[in-house]
Amino acid sequence: MPREGTIPVYRWRLAPDGLATYRQLRTAGLRPGGQPVVAQLERPRRRRGPLVAYLYRIDLAKPARPMTPAKWAALAKANAARRICPECRRDAGYVIPATLGVCVPCADSPSLAA
């Protein structure tokens, strides 16, 4: 008998029907909708501990909220800002890698290497 306050743990790919992970709910156009986690999946890993995915009941899930025009605009603005090089102020045409911090031509120029 499980202890009070614990949730069932299932092995990878052995969860019962009617339960889904957050990503599976999103793929189906659903969201947990405030319901508590009812179980968890454990995926074995070799080096570190197991990966855990929480499971929710599909019958209690609610439809996902659609993106509003304001949210789409904010997302487009944020993604555009990630394409602007802080050094040359040009649109790089791609998201600037955080490891470089600048566009590739600016990172390759000898003036920044000094």
Protein backbone atom coordinates (compact mmCIF):
# COMPACT_ATOMS: atom_id res chain seq x y z
CA MET A 1 0.00 0.00 0.00
CA PRO A 2 1.51 3.39 -0.98
CA ARG A 3 2.22 5.92 1.70
CA GLU A 4 -0.14 8.84 2.00
CA GLY A 5 0.99 11.79 -0.11
CA THR A 6 2.92 9.68 -2.60
CA ILE A 7 1.97 9.24 -6.22
CA PRO A 8 2.26 6.11 -8.33
CA VAL A 9 5.45 5.70 -10.35
CA TYR A 10 5.36 3.92 -13.71
CA ARG A 11 8.24 2.73 -15.83
CA TRP A 12 8.83 4.31 -19.21
CA ARG A 13 6.11 3.45 -21.77
CA LEU A 14 4.06 1.53 -19.18
CA ALA A 15 1.66 4.24 -18.02
CA PRO A 16 -2.04 3.32 -18.06
CA ASP A 17 -4.44 4.74 -20.63
CA GLY A 18 -6.08 8.02 -19.69
CA LEU A 19 -2.86 9.64 -18.44
CA ALA A 20 -0.59 11.94 -20.42
CA THR A 21 2.49 14.10 -19.93
CA TYR A 22 2.36 17.88 -20.30
CA ARG A 23 3.86 17.65 -23.79
CA GLN A 24 1.36 15.02 -24.84
CA LEU A 25 -1.47 17.24 -23.60
CA ARG A 26 -0.08 20.21 -25.56
CA THR A 27 0.18 18.11 -28.71
CA ALA A 28 -3.51 17.26 -28.30
CA GLY A 29 -4.39 20.94 -27.83
CA LEU A 30 -4.98 20.57 -24.08
CA ARG A 31 -3.52 21.87 -20.82
CA PRO A 32 -3.59 20.44 -17.28
CA GLY A 33 -5.98 23.17 -16.17
CA GLY A 34 -4.93 23.31 -12.52
CA GLN A 35 -5.32 19.61 -11.80
CA PRO A 36 -2.71 17.97 -9.56
CA VAL A 37 -0.12 15.51 -10.81
CA VAL A 38 -1.61 12.01 -10.51
CA ALA A 39 1.44 9.88 -11.34
CA GLN A 40 4.94 10.03 -12.74
CA LEU A 41 7.01 8.21 -15.32
CA GLU A 42 10.62 7.27 -14.74
CA ARG A 43 12.90 6.86 -17.70
CA PRO A 44 16.11 5.02 -16.86
CA ARG A 45 19.45 6.76 -17.39
CA ARG A 46 22.88 5.26 -17.22
CA ARG A 47 24.98 7.85 -15.44
CA ARG A 48 22.72 10.10 -13.39
CA GLY A 49 19.41 9.35 -11.74
CA PRO A 50 16.23 8.64 -13.70
CA LEU A 51 14.41 11.27 -15.74
CA VAL A 52 10.94 12.01 -14.41
CA ALA A 53 7.84 13.07 -16.34
CA TYR A 54 4.66 13.98 -14.52
CA LEU A 55 1.33 12.55 -15.66
CA TYR A 56 -2.08 14.24 -15.74
CA ARG A 57 -5.57 12.88 -16.34
CA ILE A 58 -6.73 13.50 -19.89
CA ASP A 59 -10.42 13.61 -18.94
CA LEU A 60 -9.79 16.55 -16.56
CA ALA A 61 -7.63 18.49 -19.02
CA LYS A 62 -8.96 21.75 -20.46
CA PRO A 63 -8.53 23.18 -23.94
CA ALA A 64 -5.33 25.17 -24.46
CA ARG A 65 -5.76 28.93 -24.54
CA PRO A 66 -5.11 30.42 -27.98
CA MET A 67 -2.39 33.01 -28.51
CA THR A 68 -3.76 36.55 -28.62
CA PRO A 69 -2.57 39.05 -31.24
CA ALA A 70 -0.68 40.93 -28.51
CA LYS A 71 1.18 37.76 -27.47
CA TRP A 72 2.08 37.00 -31.10
CA ALA A 73 3.41 40.56 -31.49
CA ALA A 74 5.46 40.33 -28.28
CA LEU A 75 6.92 37.00 -29.35
CA ALA A 76 7.85 38.36 -32.80
CA LYS A 77 9.51 41.40 -31.19
CA ALA A 78 11.51 39.24 -28.77
CA ASN A 79 12.69 36.92 -31.56
CA ALA A 80 13.66 39.89 -33.74
CA ALA A 81 15.74 41.32 -30.87
CA ARG A 82 17.70 38.06 -30.67
CA ARG A 83 18.75 38.51 -34.31
CA ILE A 84 20.25 42.01 -33.92
CA CYS A 85 24.01 42.05 -33.34
CA PRO A 86 24.93 44.33 -30.41
CA GLU A 87 28.29 45.15 -32.05
CA CYS A 88 27.34 46.13 -35.63
CA ARG A 89 23.59 46.66 -35.01
CA ARG A 90 22.61 44.67 -38.13
CA ASP A 91 20.05 41.91 -38.48
CA ALA A 92 22.18 38.75 -38.65
CA GLY A 93 19.43 36.72 -40.36
CA TYR A 94 19.64 34.11 -37.59
CA VAL A 95 19.45 34.00 -33.81
CA ILE A 96 22.82 35.08 -32.47
CA PRO A 97 24.43 32.29 -30.41
CA ALA A 98 24.73 33.11 -26.72
CA THR A 99 28.24 31.63 -26.73
CA LEU A 100 29.41 34.31 -29.18
CA GLY A 101 27.23 37.21 -28.07
CA VAL A 102 27.70 38.82 -31.50
CA CYS A 103 27.13 37.80 -35.11
CA VAL A 104 29.67 35.50 -36.75
CA PRO A 105 31.35 38.22 -38.88
CA CYS A 106 31.87 40.38 -35.78
CA ALA A 107 33.16 37.39 -33.81
CA ASP A 108 35.62 36.58 -36.58
CA SER A 109 36.91 40.16 -36.97
CA PRO A 110 40.36 40.77 -35.46
CA SER A 111 39.21 43.96 -33.68
CA LEU A 112 37.27 41.93 -31.08
CA ALA A 113 40.05 39.40 -30.58
CA ALA A 114 42.30 41.99 -28.92
